[in-house]
Amino acid sequence: MEAHPADDPSVAKGLPEGVGIGDPDHLVRTIRKWDDVGVTGINFLLNAMEMIPQEQVLDSLRLFATEVIPQFQTPAERAARVQAPTTVPDIGASGSPAPSTMPAGANR
């Protein structure tokens, strides 16, 4: 997988080859390159240093969900209704998930 700074924002920023940074089209191309060489999973790291405002992080996630993920789904997968959880586990001091009635996305 050879990248050139002119067409790869991650290489232009001095990051390792294959790191997907950029617009949705660039991410799709990067993921397809990994797919072409047999990679079956990727790590998704977003805002690791917590330097980006939360709203921008959420905007990036929404953009990835609407523009990138559909490029890797079958027509049936794209048409299927997405089931979102109505509760999230409450992980207490023990580190074990305990049932919770807090709706997903609610603030603590």
C-alpha atoms as a PDB file:
ATOM      1  CA  MET A   1       0.000   0.000   0.000  1.00  0.00           C
ATOM      2  CA  GLU A   2       1.931   3.022  -1.209  1.00  0.00           C
ATOM      3  CA  ALA A   3       0.695   6.505  -0.366  1.00  0.00           C
ATOM      4  CA  HIS A   4       1.862   9.881  -1.597  1.00  0.00           C
ATOM      5  CA  PRO A   5       1.503  13.160   0.308  1.00  0.00           C
ATOM      6  CA  ALA A   6      -0.309  14.757  -2.604  1.00  0.00           C
ATOM      7  CA  ASP A   7      -3.262  12.388  -2.289  1.00  0.00           C
ATOM      8  CA  ASP A   8      -3.041  11.153   1.311  1.00  0.00           C
ATOM      9  CA  PRO A   9      -3.747  13.618   4.137  1.00  0.00           C
ATOM     10  CA  SER A  10      -2.288  11.244   6.738  1.00  0.00           C
ATOM     11  CA  VAL A  11       1.074  10.986   4.925  1.00  0.00           C
ATOM     12  CA  ALA A  12       1.118  14.744   4.353  1.00  0.00           C
ATOM     13  CA  LYS A  13       0.800  15.160   8.159  1.00  0.00           C
ATOM     14  CA  GLY A  14       3.692  12.772   8.787  1.00  0.00           C
ATOM     15  CA  LEU A  15       1.508   9.928  10.049  1.00  0.00           C
ATOM     16  CA  PRO A  16       2.114   6.257   9.223  1.00  0.00           C
ATOM     17  CA  GLU A  17       0.971   4.913   5.876  1.00  0.00           C
ATOM     18  CA  GLY A  18      -2.565   3.535   5.958  1.00  0.00           C
ATOM     19  CA  VAL A  19      -3.858   5.807   8.692  1.00  0.00           C
ATOM     20  CA  GLY A  20      -7.238   7.032   7.501  1.00  0.00           C
ATOM     21  CA  ILE A  21      -7.510  10.759   8.024  1.00  0.00           C
ATOM     22  CA  GLY A  22      -9.468  12.945   5.674  1.00  0.00           C
ATOM     23  CA  ASP A  23     -12.802  13.282   3.947  1.00  0.00           C
ATOM     24  CA  PRO A  24     -15.208  10.349   3.483  1.00  0.00           C
ATOM     25  CA  ASP A  25     -13.946   9.578  -0.040  1.00  0.00           C
ATOM     26  CA  HIS A  26     -10.360   9.296   1.215  1.00  0.00           C
ATOM     27  CA  LEU A  27     -11.450   7.044   4.089  1.00  0.00           C
ATOM     28  CA  VAL A  28     -13.343   4.772   1.700  1.00  0.00           C
ATOM     29  CA  ARG A  29     -10.253   4.512  -0.540  1.00  0.00           C
ATOM     30  CA  THR A  30      -8.010   3.781   2.453  1.00  0.00           C
ATOM     31  CA  ILE A  31     -10.328   1.101   3.853  1.00  0.00           C
ATOM     32  CA  ARG A  32     -10.686  -0.488   0.408  1.00  0.00           C
ATOM     33  CA  LYS A  33      -6.881  -0.693   0.105  1.00  0.00           C
ATOM     34  CA  TRP A  34      -6.729  -2.547   3.416  1.00  0.00           C
ATOM     35  CA  ASP A  35      -9.603  -4.775   2.314  1.00  0.00           C
ATOM     36  CA  ASP A  36      -7.787  -5.570  -0.943  1.00  0.00           C
ATOM     37  CA  VAL A  37      -4.805  -6.991   0.972  1.00  0.00           C
ATOM     38  CA  GLY A  38      -6.990  -9.147   3.230  1.00  0.00           C
ATOM     39  CA  VAL A  39      -7.485  -7.022   6.337  1.00  0.00           C
ATOM     40  CA  THR A  40     -10.815  -8.000   7.904  1.00  0.00           C
ATOM     41  CA  GLY A  41     -11.030  -5.412  10.679  1.00  0.00           C
ATOM     42  CA  ILE A  42      -9.794  -1.941  11.527  1.00  0.00           C
ATOM     43  CA  ASN A  43      -9.339   0.053  14.713  1.00  0.00           C
ATOM     44  CA  PHE A  44     -11.331   3.242  14.911  1.00  0.00           C
ATOM     45  CA  LEU A  45      -9.644   5.910  17.003  1.00  0.00           C
ATOM     46  CA  LEU A  46     -11.296   9.266  17.328  1.00  0.00           C
ATOM     47  CA  ASN A  47     -10.203  12.165  19.497  1.00  0.00           C
ATOM     48  CA  ALA A  48      -7.753  10.079  21.548  1.00  0.00           C
ATOM     49  CA  MET A  49      -6.158  13.147  23.109  1.00  0.00           C
ATOM     50  CA  GLU A  50      -9.557  14.802  23.683  1.00  0.00           C
ATOM     51  CA  MET A  51      -8.466  17.909  21.788  1.00  0.00           C
ATOM     52  CA  ILE A  52     -11.547  18.177  19.561  1.00  0.00           C
ATOM     53  CA  PRO A  53     -14.820  19.617  20.894  1.00  0.00           C
ATOM     54  CA  GLN A  54     -17.483  16.946  21.499  1.00  0.00           C
ATOM     55  CA  GLU A  55     -19.842  18.367  18.864  1.00  0.00           C
ATOM     56  CA  GLN A  56     -17.143  18.036  16.183  1.00  0.00           C
ATOM     57  CA  VAL A  57     -16.486  14.447  17.272  1.00  0.00           C
ATOM     58  CA  LEU A  58     -20.196  13.660  16.978  1.00  0.00           C
ATOM     59  CA  ASP A  59     -20.340  15.370  13.566  1.00  0.00           C
ATOM     60  CA  SER A  60     -17.414  13.191  12.414  1.00  0.00           C
ATOM     61  CA  LEU A  61     -19.125  10.040  13.668  1.00  0.00           C
ATOM     62  CA  ARG A  62     -22.353  10.975  11.888  1.00  0.00           C
ATOM     63  CA  LEU A  63     -20.460  11.684   8.669  1.00  0.00           C
ATOM     64  CA  PHE A  64     -18.652   8.329   8.923  1.00  0.00           C
ATOM     65  CA  ALA A  65     -21.975   6.568   9.557  1.00  0.00           C
ATOM     66  CA  THR A  66     -23.774   8.201   6.639  1.00  0.00           C
ATOM     67  CA  GLU A  67     -20.994   8.449   4.036  1.00  0.00           C
ATOM     68  CA  VAL A  68     -18.415   5.723   4.729  1.00  0.00           C
ATOM     69  CA  ILE A  69     -20.185   2.738   6.304  1.00  0.00           C
ATOM     70  CA  PRO A  70     -22.817   2.440   3.533  1.00  0.00           C
ATOM     71  CA  GLN A  71     -19.994   1.931   1.009  1.00  0.00           C
ATOM     72  CA  PHE A  72     -19.234  -1.398   2.701  1.00  0.00           C
ATOM     73  CA  GLN A  73     -22.803  -2.631   3.149  1.00  0.00           C
ATOM     74  CA  THR A  74     -24.894  -4.747   0.842  1.00  0.00           C
ATOM     75  CA  PRO A  75     -28.147  -3.238  -0.457  1.00  0.00           C
ATOM     76  CA  ALA A  76     -30.044  -5.434   2.020  1.00  0.00           C
ATOM     77  CA  GLU A  77     -27.899  -4.189   4.910  1.00  0.00           C
ATOM     78  CA  ARG A  78     -28.464  -0.566   3.857  1.00  0.00           C
ATOM     79  CA  ALA A  79     -32.225  -1.126   3.698  1.00  0.00           C
ATOM     80  CA  ALA A  80     -32.448  -2.906   7.069  1.00  0.00           C
ATOM     81  CA  ARG A  81     -33.780  -1.007  10.036  1.00  0.00           C
ATOM     82  CA  VAL A  82     -31.113  -0.265  12.627  1.00  0.00           C
ATOM     83  CA  GLN A  83     -31.968  -1.397  16.135  1.00  0.00           C
ATOM     84  CA  ALA A  84     -30.525   0.888  18.793  1.00  0.00           C
ATOM     85  CA  PRO A  85     -30.325  -0.195  22.417  1.00  0.00           C
ATOM     86  CA  THR A  86     -32.820   1.404  24.751  1.00  0.00           C
ATOM     87  CA  THR A  87     -30.605   0.930  27.807  1.00  0.00           C
ATOM     88  CA  VAL A  88     -26.904   0.963  28.472  1.00  0.00           C
ATOM     89  CA  PRO A  89     -25.068  -1.130  31.060  1.00  0.00           C
ATOM     90  CA  ASP A  90     -24.139   0.625  34.277  1.00  0.00           C
ATOM     91  CA  ILE A  91     -20.566  -0.351  35.099  1.00  0.00           C
ATOM     92  CA  GLY A  92     -20.130   0.087  38.822  1.00  0.00           C
ATOM     93  CA  ALA A  93     -17.050   0.001  41.034  1.00  0.00           C
ATOM     94  CA  SER A  94     -16.756  -3.756  40.522  1.00  0.00           C
ATOM     95  CA  GLY A  95     -16.218  -3.248  36.803  1.00  0.00           C
ATOM     96  CA  SER A  96     -19.078  -5.610  36.029  1.00  0.00           C
ATOM     97  CA  PRO A  97     -22.002  -4.382  33.969  1.00  0.00           C
ATOM     98  CA  ALA A  98     -25.193  -4.094  35.963  1.00  0.00           C
ATOM     99  CA  PRO A  99     -28.652  -3.621  34.426  1.00  0.00           C
ATOM    100  CA  SER A 100     -29.649   0.004  34.031  1.00  0.00           C
ATOM    101  CA  THR A 101     -32.768   1.782  32.955  1.00  0.00           C
ATOM    102  CA  MET A 102     -30.846   4.852  31.801  1.00  0.00           C
ATOM    103  CA  PRO A 103     -31.662   5.510  28.130  1.00  0.00           C
ATOM    104  CA  ALA A 104     -28.791   5.269  25.680  1.00  0.00           C
ATOM    105  CA  GLY A 105     -27.210   8.669  25.159  1.00  0.00           C
ATOM    106  CA  ALA A 106     -28.406  10.077  28.499  1.00  0.00           C
ATOM    107  CA  ASN A 107     -25.945  12.139  30.514  1.00  0.00           C
ATOM    108  CA  ARG A 108     -24.916  11.069  33.998  1.00  0.00           C
END
